[in-house]
Structures are given as C-alpha cells and as structure tokens.
Amino acid sequence: MAGHRAEIVTIPFKWYPQQTLIDSMLSARLLDLDSFNGVTIDKVIALKFPLWLVRHPSLSLWVLHQHRTAYDLWDSGFSDVAGMPDGPAVREMIRHADNEAFERAESIHTISRTVSARLLAHNATESGVLYPPPRDMEAFFGGEYGDYFFFPSRITPLKRQSLVLEALAHTREPVRVVFAGEADSPEYLATLQARAAELGVDARVEWLGRVTEERKRELYAGARMVIFPPVDEDYGYITPEAMLSSRAVVTLEDAGGPTEFVSHDHTGLVLPADAEAIAAGLDGVWRDRSRARQMGRAARDYIDGIGLNWDTVLQGLL
C-alpha cells in the first residue's frame, strides 16, 4: 500500500526442550521494537507466538495460529507441551502470556474463522478474519479435468494421507491419487507406502515428493479434483489455490479452514471422516467428469467473488 514502509522481523523459535520454550518467550518479551537505527517504528503487526509478546505501544495481531499444542491439540496425542516434565504449568504460562498480549493489542485479526473460534473458545477473545491470498494468484490456471485426484500437502498424520489410502481400498472405480509434498520423515512415508501395498492400492497412488511451484500449478490444472482432508486446519492455502485453478475440493467435516470455502455439492465435497464415505464421494466424481467440471467452475466463481486480495488485508491491518 502506498505510503507505508514495511520490514520483516523474525526470531528463532525452538519449542523444545521445556526450558528452551520458556527462554524463547522471554526473548520475545525483551525485544525492543520501539525504534531501529534512530527511526521510530510506528506499528508492529505480529503473526505468531511468541513474537506477539513483544512490547510496543501500537501492537496489532494477525494470528496465523497459536501454539496449538497448548490449546486444541493438548489431548490429541500430538502435543509436545503435554509431554514436558512440567507440561500443565508450561501450558498455563503460554495461555497467560497470550491473554496478556491479546489485552494489549490495538486490534486482533486471524487468518480464518477456524482460528478465530479457537481464540474465542480458549482465550475469550474476539477477532476479525482476514484471509491471506496465495502467492502469485494470477499464475494459477485451469486445464482439462484429468484422471487423477491431486493431494498436495506436507505428508504428516494431521493431513490424513493415510485415511485417503483407506478410502481408495473401498472405491469401486479405478480412482487414482497423486500425492505431492515432503514427508515429516522418510520412515513415515515408508509406512504409508507399505500400507498402500497392503491395501492393494499402490498401483493407483503416486508419490511425487516436493515439487516446484510451477509443477504444482500444472498438477492442479490437470486434476479431476483436489483432495485436502486435514484435521482442523488453520486455513490451508491448498483450498484457494485449487479454486483459482478451477478445481473443486474434497474435504471433511472436521477439516477446519477448508470448510469455510467448500460448499458441499457446489464448490466441492464436504464428507464425514470415514473411509467408506470418502470412497463413495470419489467414485461419484470419477464416474461423472462433468460434475467435477461444474463444481470446478463454481469454485473459481466463488474465489473470484470473495475479495481475496492484499488491499483488503492491508486495510484491515492498518
């Protein structure tokens, strides 16, 4: 936006072991951003914990997500904080620090209604929503509706690639899925590949690993539909990227951010987190390519109509 000069400030954040997490919080509190090199810093817009603990007279928040393992992921089996020697005390320390920062902030926005709902539930804090546009929005394009579903994402349990493999085993049509993205570890990827073989679906699955942004856009453009079924995702760029490629999205009822964009049977499919239900949804679109085309066009119309642009974001933050 004309008339503003912005600088990006980052700090290292290591959340383990326990004392290092506590030290990271203290480091953020001690950071002086009132001025730099003799120039007054008029406003700080903080995006993540613990950087929003910084002291500044004009602090605004655009919350990407909280330190979720101290909040909604506490009992999920994925919480690093819960496994710390003084886990409950560390959790309360994080929550207290967040609440204090939220009270000081001049304004609070988040990147999705899902994140805003968490702030309200866990911190009794209301917030506005400003959806972040994907990078290079104008570069996405649509092509023919091909013979594969595209699932681009980091390969990790919370993204539920394993559930899609289970669903493939229940499909009646020769549904194919192309996965793109790095795995949390080679061991986890090997576990998924072994499971695909056990289920007898390995011939219908392709693992591309990490791909370039250009290649990713090509894969979006040639897919029948896009699959994105995470567990309570904060936002997920995959959904708007798919829609910018005129591709409808298969997601799940408990997926969080994607459900804010996907309307069932209009801009995609919103299904129960059940392998057989997912299989039935995939089969239906595999049998009827025109349905994928119709929903894909509706998805593009939807994303074009919601004002997803940086001008809207900046006006809200400034």
C-alpha atoms as a PDB file:
ATOM      1  CA  MET A   1       0.000   0.000   0.000  1.00  0.00           C
ATOM      2  CA  ALA A   2       1.401   3.403  -0.986  1.00  0.00           C
ATOM      3  CA  GLY A   3       2.895   5.496   1.805  1.00  0.00           C
ATOM      4  CA  HIS A   4       3.976   2.630   4.053  1.00  0.00           C
ATOM      5  CA  ARG A   5       7.356   1.032   4.534  1.00  0.00           C
ATOM      6  CA  ALA A   6       7.395  -2.461   5.998  1.00  0.00           C
ATOM      7  CA  GLU A   7      10.224  -4.578   7.366  1.00  0.00           C
ATOM      8  CA  ILE A   8      10.048  -8.251   8.318  1.00  0.00           C
ATOM      9  CA  VAL A   9      11.341  -9.153  11.774  1.00  0.00           C
ATOM     10  CA  THR A  10      11.875 -12.811  12.625  1.00  0.00           C
ATOM     11  CA  ILE A  11      13.301 -14.526  15.687  1.00  0.00           C
ATOM     12  CA  PRO A  12      14.427 -18.145  16.052  1.00  0.00           C
ATOM     13  CA  PHE A  13      11.841 -20.241  17.880  1.00  0.00           C
ATOM     14  CA  LYS A  14      12.700 -23.640  19.298  1.00  0.00           C
ATOM     15  CA  TRP A  15       9.883 -25.149  21.336  1.00  0.00           C
ATOM     16  CA  TYR A  16      11.816 -27.976  22.947  1.00  0.00           C
ATOM     17  CA  PRO A  17      13.081 -28.868  25.464  1.00  0.00           C
ATOM     18  CA  GLN A  18      10.894 -27.229  28.084  1.00  0.00           C
ATOM     19  CA  GLN A  19      13.355 -24.566  29.257  1.00  0.00           C
ATOM     20  CA  THR A  20      14.161 -23.540  25.689  1.00  0.00           C
ATOM     21  CA  LEU A  21      10.474 -22.821  25.051  1.00  0.00           C
ATOM     22  CA  ILE A  22      10.346 -20.682  28.180  1.00  0.00           C
ATOM     23  CA  ASP A  23      13.540 -18.876  27.142  1.00  0.00           C
ATOM     24  CA  SER A  24      12.023 -18.175  23.709  1.00  0.00           C
ATOM     25  CA  MET A  25       9.067 -16.477  25.356  1.00  0.00           C
ATOM     26  CA  LEU A  26      11.400 -14.346  27.470  1.00  0.00           C
ATOM     27  CA  SER A  27      13.456 -13.392  24.405  1.00  0.00           C
ATOM     28  CA  ALA A  28      10.338 -12.097  22.671  1.00  0.00           C
ATOM     29  CA  ARG A  29       9.332 -10.070  25.735  1.00  0.00           C
ATOM     30  CA  LEU A  30      12.764  -8.426  25.852  1.00  0.00           C
ATOM     31  CA  LEU A  31      12.810  -7.471  22.165  1.00  0.00           C
ATOM     32  CA  ASP A  32      12.770  -3.676  21.732  1.00  0.00           C
ATOM     33  CA  LEU A  33      10.928  -2.620  18.572  1.00  0.00           C
ATOM     34  CA  ASP A  34      10.157   0.982  19.514  1.00  0.00           C
ATOM     35  CA  SER A  35      12.777   2.204  17.049  1.00  0.00           C
ATOM     36  CA  PHE A  36      15.567   0.969  14.819  1.00  0.00           C
ATOM     37  CA  ASN A  37      18.665   2.881  13.744  1.00  0.00           C
ATOM     38  CA  GLY A  38      17.114   6.088  15.036  1.00  0.00           C
ATOM     39  CA  VAL A  39      13.845   5.609  13.131  1.00  0.00           C
ATOM     40  CA  THR A  40      10.621   5.266  15.109  1.00  0.00           C
ATOM     41  CA  ILE A  41       8.640   2.116  14.388  1.00  0.00           C
ATOM     42  CA  ASP A  42       5.028   3.259  14.176  1.00  0.00           C
ATOM     43  CA  LYS A  43       3.303  -0.112  14.277  1.00  0.00           C
ATOM     44  CA  VAL A  44       4.060  -3.771  14.889  1.00  0.00           C
ATOM     45  CA  ILE A  45       1.882  -6.462  13.301  1.00  0.00           C
ATOM     46  CA  ALA A  46       2.646  -9.810  14.933  1.00  0.00           C
ATOM     47  CA  LEU A  47       1.693 -13.096  13.282  1.00  0.00           C
ATOM     48  CA  LYS A  48       2.855 -15.903  15.561  1.00  0.00           C
ATOM     49  CA  PHE A  49       3.651 -16.934  19.105  1.00  0.00           C
ATOM     50  CA  PRO A  50       5.893 -15.921  20.812  1.00  0.00           C
ATOM     51  CA  LEU A  51       6.633 -12.785  18.775  1.00  0.00           C
ATOM     52  CA  TRP A  52       3.350 -11.158  19.782  1.00  0.00           C
ATOM     53  CA  LEU A  53       4.732 -10.994  23.339  1.00  0.00           C
ATOM     54  CA  VAL A  54       6.965  -8.111  22.186  1.00  0.00           C
ATOM     55  CA  ARG A  55       6.365  -4.756  23.874  1.00  0.00           C
ATOM     56  CA  HIS A  56       5.277  -1.955  21.566  1.00  0.00           C
ATOM     57  CA  PRO A  57       2.797   0.926  22.039  1.00  0.00           C
ATOM     58  CA  SER A  58       0.980   0.123  18.775  1.00  0.00           C
ATOM     59  CA  LEU A  59       0.672  -3.649  18.510  1.00  0.00           C
ATOM     60  CA  SER A  60      -1.776  -5.386  16.181  1.00  0.00           C
ATOM     61  CA  LEU A  61      -2.149  -9.123  15.701  1.00  0.00           C
ATOM     62  CA  TRP A  62      -2.854 -11.144  12.581  1.00  0.00           C
ATOM     63  CA  VAL A  63      -2.889 -14.589  14.130  1.00  0.00           C
ATOM     64  CA  LEU A  64      -1.796 -17.431  11.853  1.00  0.00           C
ATOM     65  CA  HIS A  65      -2.260 -19.866  14.724  1.00  0.00           C
ATOM     66  CA  GLN A  66      -1.475 -20.161  18.397  1.00  0.00           C
ATOM     67  CA  HIS A  67       0.972 -22.650  19.894  1.00  0.00           C
ATOM     68  CA  ARG A  68      -1.692 -25.274  19.322  1.00  0.00           C
ATOM     69  CA  THR A  69      -0.160 -27.996  21.462  1.00  0.00           C
ATOM     70  CA  ALA A  70      -1.032 -25.842  24.485  1.00  0.00           C
ATOM     71  CA  TYR A  71      -4.602 -25.453  23.252  1.00  0.00           C
ATOM     72  CA  ASP A  72      -6.744 -27.589  20.951  1.00  0.00           C
ATOM     73  CA  LEU A  73      -4.062 -30.244  20.380  1.00  0.00           C
ATOM     74  CA  TRP A  74      -3.375 -30.751  24.097  1.00  0.00           C
ATOM     75  CA  ASP A  75      -5.264 -34.068  24.275  1.00  0.00           C
ATOM     76  CA  SER A  76      -4.697 -35.083  20.656  1.00  0.00           C
ATOM     77  CA  GLY A  77      -1.613 -37.229  21.094  1.00  0.00           C
ATOM     78  CA  PHE A  78       0.372 -34.671  19.056  1.00  0.00           C
ATOM     79  CA  SER A  79       1.152 -32.271  21.938  1.00  0.00           C
ATOM     80  CA  ASP A  80       4.820 -31.674  22.708  1.00  0.00           C
ATOM     81  CA  VAL A  81       3.851 -29.472  25.657  1.00  0.00           C
ATOM     82  CA  ALA A  82       1.760 -32.218  27.260  1.00  0.00           C
ATOM     83  CA  GLY A  83       4.824 -34.463  27.282  1.00  0.00           C
ATOM     84  CA  MET A  84       7.093 -31.951  29.035  1.00  0.00           C
ATOM     85  CA  PRO A  85       8.142 -32.555  32.671  1.00  0.00           C
ATOM     86  CA  ASP A  86       6.011 -29.598  33.794  1.00  0.00           C
ATOM     87  CA  GLY A  87       3.576 -29.688  30.886  1.00  0.00           C
ATOM     88  CA  PRO A  88       0.456 -28.325  32.638  1.00  0.00           C
ATOM     89  CA  ALA A  89       2.448 -25.442  34.152  1.00  0.00           C
ATOM     90  CA  VAL A  90       4.037 -24.592  30.791  1.00  0.00           C
ATOM     91  CA  ARG A  91       0.608 -24.672  29.164  1.00  0.00           C
ATOM     92  CA  GLU A  92      -0.722 -22.188  31.719  1.00  0.00           C
ATOM     93  CA  MET A  93       2.335 -19.983  31.206  1.00  0.00           C
ATOM     94  CA  ILE A  94       1.683 -19.883  27.453  1.00  0.00           C
ATOM     95  CA  ARG A  95      -2.007 -19.159  27.909  1.00  0.00           C
ATOM     96  CA  HIS A  96      -1.355 -16.411  30.452  1.00  0.00           C
ATOM     97  CA  ALA A  97       1.223 -14.766  28.170  1.00  0.00           C
ATOM     98  CA  ASP A  98      -1.152 -14.951  25.192  1.00  0.00           C
ATOM     99  CA  ASN A  99      -4.031 -13.436  27.146  1.00  0.00           C
ATOM    100  CA  GLU A 100      -1.844 -10.569  28.308  1.00  0.00           C
ATOM    101  CA  ALA A 101      -0.739  -9.871  24.719  1.00  0.00           C
ATOM    102  CA  PHE A 102      -4.320 -10.049  23.435  1.00  0.00           C
ATOM    103  CA  GLU A 103      -5.396  -7.483  26.035  1.00  0.00           C
ATOM    104  CA  ARG A 104      -2.611  -5.089  24.965  1.00  0.00           C
ATOM    105  CA  ALA A 105      -3.237  -5.387  21.232  1.00  0.00           C
ATOM    106  CA  GLU A 106      -4.957  -2.498  19.463  1.00  0.00           C
ATOM    107  CA  SER A 107      -6.635  -4.909  17.065  1.00  0.00           C
ATOM    108  CA  ILE A 108      -6.770  -8.666  16.552  1.00  0.00           C
ATOM    109  CA  HIS A 109      -7.455 -10.468  13.302  1.00  0.00           C
ATOM    110  CA  THR A 110      -6.882 -14.069  12.322  1.00  0.00           C
ATOM    111  CA  ILE A 111      -6.479 -15.894   9.023  1.00  0.00           C
ATOM    112  CA  SER A 112      -9.744 -17.851   9.279  1.00  0.00           C
ATOM    113  CA  ARG A 113     -12.975 -18.321  11.181  1.00  0.00           C
ATOM    114  CA  THR A 114     -11.474 -21.551  12.488  1.00  0.00           C
ATOM    115  CA  VAL A 115      -8.616 -19.716  14.206  1.00  0.00           C
ATOM    116  CA  SER A 116     -10.999 -17.025  15.467  1.00  0.00           C
ATOM    117  CA  ALA A 117     -13.207 -19.710  17.001  1.00  0.00           C
ATOM    118  CA  ARG A 118     -10.206 -21.118  18.887  1.00  0.00           C
ATOM    119  CA  LEU A 119      -9.308 -17.693  20.282  1.00  0.00           C
ATOM    120  CA  LEU A 120     -12.866 -17.235  21.474  1.00  0.00           C
ATOM    121  CA  ALA A 121     -13.107 -20.726  22.978  1.00  0.00           C
ATOM    122  CA  HIS A 122      -9.729 -20.808  24.726  1.00  0.00           C
ATOM    123  CA  ASN A 123      -8.965 -17.134  25.416  1.00  0.00           C
ATOM    124  CA  ALA A 124     -12.399 -15.459  25.422  1.00  0.00           C
ATOM    125  CA  THR A 125     -11.004 -13.143  22.727  1.00  0.00           C
ATOM    126  CA  GLU A 126     -12.980 -11.906  19.733  1.00  0.00           C
ATOM    127  CA  SER A 127     -11.240 -11.246  16.426  1.00  0.00           C
ATOM    128  CA  GLY A 128     -11.879 -10.335  12.821  1.00  0.00           C
ATOM    129  CA  VAL A 129     -10.960 -12.532   9.865  1.00  0.00           C
ATOM    130  CA  LEU A 130      -8.639 -11.560   7.011  1.00  0.00           C
ATOM    131  CA  TYR A 131      -7.946 -14.407   4.593  1.00  0.00           C
ATOM    132  CA  PRO A 132      -4.367 -14.337   3.226  1.00  0.00           C
ATOM    133  CA  PRO A 133      -4.163 -14.579  -0.575  1.00  0.00           C
ATOM    134  CA  PRO A 134      -1.981 -17.325  -2.051  1.00  0.00           C
ATOM    135  CA  ARG A 135       1.334 -16.302  -3.537  1.00  0.00           C
ATOM    136  CA  ASP A 136       1.237 -15.450  -7.257  1.00  0.00           C
ATOM    137  CA  MET A 137      -2.541 -15.752  -7.516  1.00  0.00           C
ATOM    138  CA  GLU A 138      -2.529 -14.680 -11.140  1.00  0.00           C
ATOM    139  CA  ALA A 139      -0.295 -17.617 -12.093  1.00  0.00           C
ATOM    140  CA  PHE A 140      -2.905 -20.308 -11.387  1.00  0.00           C
ATOM    141  CA  PHE A 141      -4.823 -21.668 -14.357  1.00  0.00           C
ATOM    142  CA  GLY A 142      -7.244 -24.428 -15.243  1.00  0.00           C
ATOM    143  CA  GLY A 143      -6.950 -27.203 -17.798  1.00  0.00           C
ATOM    144  CA  GLU A 144      -8.680 -30.442 -18.720  1.00  0.00           C
ATOM    145  CA  TYR A 145     -10.258 -32.405 -15.887  1.00  0.00           C
ATOM    146  CA  GLY A 146      -7.936 -35.382 -15.886  1.00  0.00           C
ATOM    147  CA  ASP A 147      -7.830 -38.879 -14.450  1.00  0.00           C
ATOM    148  CA  TYR A 148      -6.357 -38.281 -11.006  1.00  0.00           C
ATOM    149  CA  PHE A 149      -7.204 -36.562  -7.747  1.00  0.00           C
ATOM    150  CA  PHE A 150      -4.420 -34.243  -6.573  1.00  0.00           C
ATOM    151  CA  PHE A 151      -3.434 -34.142  -2.895  1.00  0.00           C
ATOM    152  CA  PRO A 152      -0.679 -31.529  -2.342  1.00  0.00           C
ATOM    153  CA  SER A 153       0.410 -31.227   1.272  1.00  0.00           C
ATOM    154  CA  ARG A 154       3.123 -31.962   3.755  1.00  0.00           C
ATOM    155  CA  ILE A 155       2.908 -35.691   4.443  1.00  0.00           C
ATOM    156  CA  THR A 156       2.119 -35.982   8.134  1.00  0.00           C
ATOM    157  CA  PRO A 157      -0.572 -37.667  10.262  1.00  0.00           C
ATOM    158  CA  LEU A 158      -2.556 -34.434  10.725  1.00  0.00           C
ATOM    159  CA  LYS A 159      -3.074 -34.139   6.946  1.00  0.00           C
ATOM    160  CA  ARG A 160      -4.575 -37.664   6.836  1.00  0.00           C
ATOM    161  CA  GLN A 161      -2.995 -39.139   3.737  1.00  0.00           C
ATOM    162  CA  SER A 162      -3.486 -42.481   5.496  1.00  0.00           C
ATOM    163  CA  LEU A 163      -7.264 -42.028   5.523  1.00  0.00           C
ATOM    164  CA  VAL A 164      -7.259 -41.391   1.774  1.00  0.00           C
ATOM    165  CA  LEU A 165      -5.382 -44.664   1.251  1.00  0.00           C
ATOM    166  CA  GLU A 166      -8.019 -46.471   3.323  1.00  0.00           C
ATOM    167  CA  ALA A 167     -10.726 -44.811   1.213  1.00  0.00           C
ATOM    168  CA  LEU A 168      -9.069 -45.953  -2.017  1.00  0.00           C
ATOM    169  CA  ALA A 169      -9.366 -49.541  -0.817  1.00  0.00           C
ATOM    170  CA  HIS A 170     -13.158 -49.070  -0.685  1.00  0.00           C
ATOM    171  CA  THR A 171     -13.582 -47.444  -4.104  1.00  0.00           C
ATOM    172  CA  ARG A 172     -15.339 -49.366  -6.859  1.00  0.00           C
ATOM    173  CA  GLU A 173     -13.852 -47.269  -9.644  1.00  0.00           C
ATOM    174  CA  PRO A 174     -10.129 -47.196 -10.600  1.00  0.00           C
ATOM    175  CA  VAL A 175      -9.618 -43.906  -8.745  1.00  0.00           C
ATOM    176  CA  ARG A 176      -6.050 -42.547  -8.802  1.00  0.00           C
ATOM    177  CA  VAL A 177      -4.473 -40.144  -6.322  1.00  0.00           C
ATOM    178  CA  VAL A 178      -1.291 -38.128  -6.857  1.00  0.00           C
ATOM    179  CA  PHE A 179       0.394 -37.009  -3.630  1.00  0.00           C
ATOM    180  CA  ALA A 180       2.875 -34.118  -3.664  1.00  0.00           C
ATOM    181  CA  GLY A 181       4.785 -32.820  -0.667  1.00  0.00           C
ATOM    182  CA  GLU A 182       7.617 -33.649   1.671  1.00  0.00           C
ATOM    183  CA  ALA A 183       7.118 -36.198   4.425  1.00  0.00           C
ATOM    184  CA  ASP A 184       7.769 -35.493   8.093  1.00  0.00           C
ATOM    185  CA  SER A 185      10.292 -38.310   7.909  1.00  0.00           C
ATOM    186  CA  PRO A 186      11.376 -40.999   5.433  1.00  0.00           C
ATOM    187  CA  GLU A 187      10.098 -43.569   7.930  1.00  0.00           C
ATOM    188  CA  TYR A 188       6.580 -42.149   7.897  1.00  0.00           C
ATOM    189  CA  LEU A 189       6.489 -42.090   4.097  1.00  0.00           C
ATOM    190  CA  ALA A 190       7.681 -45.705   4.040  1.00  0.00           C
ATOM    191  CA  THR A 191       4.885 -46.616   6.453  1.00  0.00           C
ATOM    192  CA  LEU A 192       2.283 -45.075   4.141  1.00  0.00           C
ATOM    193  CA  GLN A 193       3.742 -46.763   1.085  1.00  0.00           C
ATOM    194  CA  ALA A 194       3.722 -50.119   2.870  1.00  0.00           C
ATOM    195  CA  ARG A 195       0.105 -49.571   3.885  1.00  0.00           C
ATOM    196  CA  ALA A 196      -0.843 -48.765   0.282  1.00  0.00           C
ATOM    197  CA  ALA A 197       0.702 -52.071  -0.770  1.00  0.00           C
ATOM    198  CA  GLU A 198      -1.150 -53.947   1.994  1.00  0.00           C
ATOM    199  CA  LEU A 199      -4.420 -52.428   0.820  1.00  0.00           C
ATOM    200  CA  GLY A 200      -3.674 -53.284  -2.793  1.00  0.00           C
ATOM    201  CA  VAL A 201      -3.900 -49.668  -3.970  1.00  0.00           C
ATOM    202  CA  ASP A 202      -0.207 -48.904  -4.538  1.00  0.00           C
ATOM    203  CA  ALA A 203      -0.643 -49.070  -8.329  1.00  0.00           C
ATOM    204  CA  ARG A 204      -3.240 -46.283  -8.092  1.00  0.00           C
ATOM    205  CA  VAL A 205      -1.083 -43.983  -5.975  1.00  0.00           C
ATOM    206  CA  GLU A 206       1.819 -41.752  -6.992  1.00  0.00           C
ATOM    207  CA  TRP A 207       4.212 -40.098  -4.518  1.00  0.00           C
ATOM    208  CA  LEU A 208       5.945 -37.121  -6.125  1.00  0.00           C
ATOM    209  CA  GLY A 209       7.654 -35.671  -3.072  1.00  0.00           C
ATOM    210  CA  ARG A 210       8.371 -31.970  -3.114  1.00  0.00           C
ATOM    211  CA  VAL A 211       7.581 -30.250  -6.416  1.00  0.00           C
ATOM    212  CA  THR A 212       8.248 -26.744  -7.717  1.00  0.00           C
ATOM    213  CA  GLU A 213       5.524 -24.119  -7.582  1.00  0.00           C
ATOM    214  CA  GLU A 214       5.265 -24.250 -11.374  1.00  0.00           C
ATOM    215  CA  ARG A 215       4.829 -28.027 -11.348  1.00  0.00           C
ATOM    216  CA  LYS A 216       2.277 -27.777  -8.556  1.00  0.00           C
ATOM    217  CA  ARG A 217       0.176 -25.363 -10.614  1.00  0.00           C
ATOM    218  CA  GLU A 218       0.324 -27.776 -13.551  1.00  0.00           C
ATOM    219  CA  LEU A 219      -0.859 -30.634 -11.330  1.00  0.00           C
ATOM    220  CA  TYR A 220      -3.747 -28.540 -10.029  1.00  0.00           C
ATOM    221  CA  ALA A 221      -4.713 -27.644 -13.590  1.00  0.00           C
ATOM    222  CA  GLY A 222      -4.852 -31.248 -14.791  1.00  0.00           C
ATOM    223  CA  ALA A 223      -6.604 -32.867 -11.829  1.00  0.00           C
ATOM    224  CA  ARG A 224     -10.163 -34.152 -11.687  1.00  0.00           C
ATOM    225  CA  MET A 225     -10.494 -32.576  -8.248  1.00  0.00           C
ATOM    226  CA  VAL A 226      -8.227 -31.696  -5.320  1.00  0.00           C
ATOM    227  CA  ILE A 227      -8.236 -33.613  -2.030  1.00  0.00           C
ATOM    228  CA  PHE A 228      -7.469 -31.773   1.213  1.00  0.00           C
ATOM    229  CA  PRO A 229      -8.733 -33.547   4.373  1.00  0.00           C
ATOM    230  CA  PRO A 230      -6.608 -32.219   7.291  1.00  0.00           C
ATOM    231  CA  VAL A 231      -7.513 -32.296  10.970  1.00  0.00           C
ATOM    232  CA  ASP A 232      -8.889 -28.867  11.955  1.00  0.00           C
ATOM    233  CA  GLU A 233      -6.573 -26.919   9.638  1.00  0.00           C
ATOM    234  CA  ASP A 234      -5.916 -23.264  10.487  1.00  0.00           C
ATOM    235  CA  TYR A 235      -6.517 -22.099   6.906  1.00  0.00           C
ATOM    236  CA  GLY A 236      -4.738 -24.106   4.231  1.00  0.00           C
ATOM    237  CA  TYR A 237      -3.602 -22.405   1.020  1.00  0.00           C
ATOM    238  CA  ILE A 238      -4.456 -25.572  -0.882  1.00  0.00           C
ATOM    239  CA  THR A 239      -8.174 -24.787  -0.949  1.00  0.00           C
ATOM    240  CA  PRO A 240      -7.969 -21.310  -2.553  1.00  0.00           C
ATOM    241  CA  GLU A 241      -5.153 -22.478  -4.838  1.00  0.00           C
ATOM    242  CA  ALA A 242      -7.368 -25.297  -6.092  1.00  0.00           C
ATOM    243  CA  MET A 243     -10.265 -22.917  -6.664  1.00  0.00           C
ATOM    244  CA  LEU A 244      -8.027 -20.479  -8.543  1.00  0.00           C
ATOM    245  CA  SER A 245      -7.256 -23.466 -10.782  1.00  0.00           C
ATOM    246  CA  SER A 246     -10.995 -24.063 -11.325  1.00  0.00           C
ATOM    247  CA  ARG A 247     -10.822 -27.198  -9.214  1.00  0.00           C
ATOM    248  CA  ALA A 248     -13.368 -28.247  -6.626  1.00  0.00           C
ATOM    249  CA  VAL A 249     -12.075 -29.631  -3.332  1.00  0.00           C
ATOM    250  CA  VAL A 250     -12.825 -32.844  -1.466  1.00  0.00           C
ATOM    251  CA  THR A 251     -12.568 -32.131   2.251  1.00  0.00           C
ATOM    252  CA  LEU A 252     -14.001 -33.426   5.520  1.00  0.00           C
ATOM    253  CA  GLU A 253     -16.496 -32.112   8.028  1.00  0.00           C
ATOM    254  CA  ASP A 254     -13.836 -31.697  10.729  1.00  0.00           C
ATOM    255  CA  ALA A 255     -11.172 -30.186   8.450  1.00  0.00           C
ATOM    256  CA  GLY A 256     -11.459 -26.635   9.789  1.00  0.00           C
ATOM    257  CA  GLY A 257     -10.282 -23.928   7.370  1.00  0.00           C
ATOM    258  CA  PRO A 258     -11.170 -25.697   4.097  1.00  0.00           C
ATOM    259  CA  THR A 259     -14.820 -25.975   5.142  1.00  0.00           C
ATOM    260  CA  GLU A 260     -15.035 -22.176   5.166  1.00  0.00           C
ATOM    261  CA  PHE A 261     -14.590 -22.230   1.377  1.00  0.00           C
ATOM    262  CA  VAL A 262     -16.124 -25.522   0.279  1.00  0.00           C
ATOM    263  CA  SER A 263     -19.886 -25.817  -0.058  1.00  0.00           C
ATOM    264  CA  HIS A 264     -20.983 -29.436  -0.424  1.00  0.00           C
ATOM    265  CA  ASP A 265     -22.013 -30.403  -3.954  1.00  0.00           C
ATOM    266  CA  HIS A 266     -21.399 -26.833  -5.138  1.00  0.00           C
ATOM    267  CA  THR A 267     -17.696 -25.978  -4.852  1.00  0.00           C
ATOM    268  CA  GLY A 268     -16.619 -29.436  -3.731  1.00  0.00           C
ATOM    269  CA  LEU A 269     -17.490 -32.250  -1.363  1.00  0.00           C
ATOM    270  CA  VAL A 270     -17.635 -31.992   2.435  1.00  0.00           C
ATOM    271  CA  LEU A 271     -17.691 -35.570   3.696  1.00  0.00           C
ATOM    272  CA  PRO A 272     -17.601 -37.423   7.021  1.00  0.00           C
ATOM    273  CA  ALA A 273     -14.152 -38.507   8.186  1.00  0.00           C
ATOM    274  CA  ASP A 274     -14.916 -42.084   7.201  1.00  0.00           C
ATOM    275  CA  ALA A 275     -13.108 -44.160   4.576  1.00  0.00           C
ATOM    276  CA  GLU A 276     -16.261 -45.603   3.017  1.00  0.00           C
ATOM    277  CA  ALA A 277     -17.954 -42.190   2.803  1.00  0.00           C
ATOM    278  CA  ILE A 278     -14.865 -40.711   1.158  1.00  0.00           C
ATOM    279  CA  ALA A 279     -14.703 -43.635  -1.269  1.00  0.00           C
ATOM    280  CA  ALA A 280     -18.312 -43.085  -2.315  1.00  0.00           C
ATOM    281  CA  GLY A 281     -17.607 -39.401  -2.946  1.00  0.00           C
ATOM    282  CA  LEU A 282     -14.524 -40.133  -5.039  1.00  0.00           C
ATOM    283  CA  ASP A 283     -16.361 -42.811  -7.025  1.00  0.00           C
ATOM    284  CA  GLY A 284     -19.194 -40.434  -7.871  1.00  0.00           C
ATOM    285  CA  VAL A 285     -16.873 -37.820  -9.340  1.00  0.00           C
ATOM    286  CA  TRP A 286     -14.782 -40.463 -11.115  1.00  0.00           C
ATOM    287  CA  ARG A 287     -17.880 -41.751 -12.894  1.00  0.00           C
ATOM    288  CA  ASP A 288     -19.104 -38.275 -13.847  1.00  0.00           C
ATOM    289  CA  ARG A 289     -16.385 -35.939 -15.113  1.00  0.00           C
ATOM    290  CA  SER A 290     -18.987 -33.270 -15.911  1.00  0.00           C
ATOM    291  CA  ARG A 291     -19.765 -32.996 -12.206  1.00  0.00           C
ATOM    292  CA  ALA A 292     -16.136 -32.168 -11.459  1.00  0.00           C
ATOM    293  CA  ARG A 293     -16.191 -29.590 -14.243  1.00  0.00           C
ATOM    294  CA  GLN A 294     -19.393 -27.968 -12.951  1.00  0.00           C
ATOM    295  CA  MET A 295     -18.147 -27.755  -9.365  1.00  0.00           C
ATOM    296  CA  GLY A 296     -14.728 -26.567 -10.537  1.00  0.00           C
ATOM    297  CA  ARG A 297     -16.233 -23.643 -12.411  1.00  0.00           C
ATOM    298  CA  ALA A 298     -18.382 -22.797  -9.384  1.00  0.00           C
ATOM    299  CA  ALA A 299     -15.261 -22.903  -7.213  1.00  0.00           C
ATOM    300  CA  ARG A 300     -13.495 -20.410  -9.475  1.00  0.00           C
ATOM    301  CA  ASP A 301     -16.517 -18.097  -9.461  1.00  0.00           C
ATOM    302  CA  TYR A 302     -16.631 -18.301  -5.675  1.00  0.00           C
ATOM    303  CA  ILE A 303     -12.970 -17.498  -5.077  1.00  0.00           C
ATOM    304  CA  ASP A 304     -13.123 -14.611  -7.562  1.00  0.00           C
ATOM    305  CA  GLY A 305     -16.059 -13.124  -5.681  1.00  0.00           C
ATOM    306  CA  ILE A 306     -14.872 -13.016  -2.061  1.00  0.00           C
ATOM    307  CA  GLY A 307     -12.342 -10.184  -2.313  1.00  0.00           C
ATOM    308  CA  LEU A 308      -9.259 -12.296  -1.687  1.00  0.00           C
ATOM    309  CA  ASN A 309      -6.510  -9.705  -2.199  1.00  0.00           C
ATOM    310  CA  TRP A 310      -3.792  -7.869  -0.314  1.00  0.00           C
ATOM    311  CA  ASP A 311      -5.538  -4.494  -0.423  1.00  0.00           C
ATOM    312  CA  THR A 312      -8.332  -5.924   1.727  1.00  0.00           C
ATOM    313  CA  VAL A 313      -5.827  -7.426   4.164  1.00  0.00           C
ATOM    314  CA  LEU A 314      -3.786  -4.239   4.497  1.00  0.00           C
ATOM    315  CA  GLN A 315      -6.838  -2.058   5.006  1.00  0.00           C
ATOM    316  CA  GLY A 316      -7.890  -4.346   7.840  1.00  0.00           C
ATOM    317  CA  LEU A 317      -4.476  -4.455   9.493  1.00  0.00           C
ATOM    318  CA  LEU A 318      -3.605  -0.772   9.185  1.00  0.00           C
END
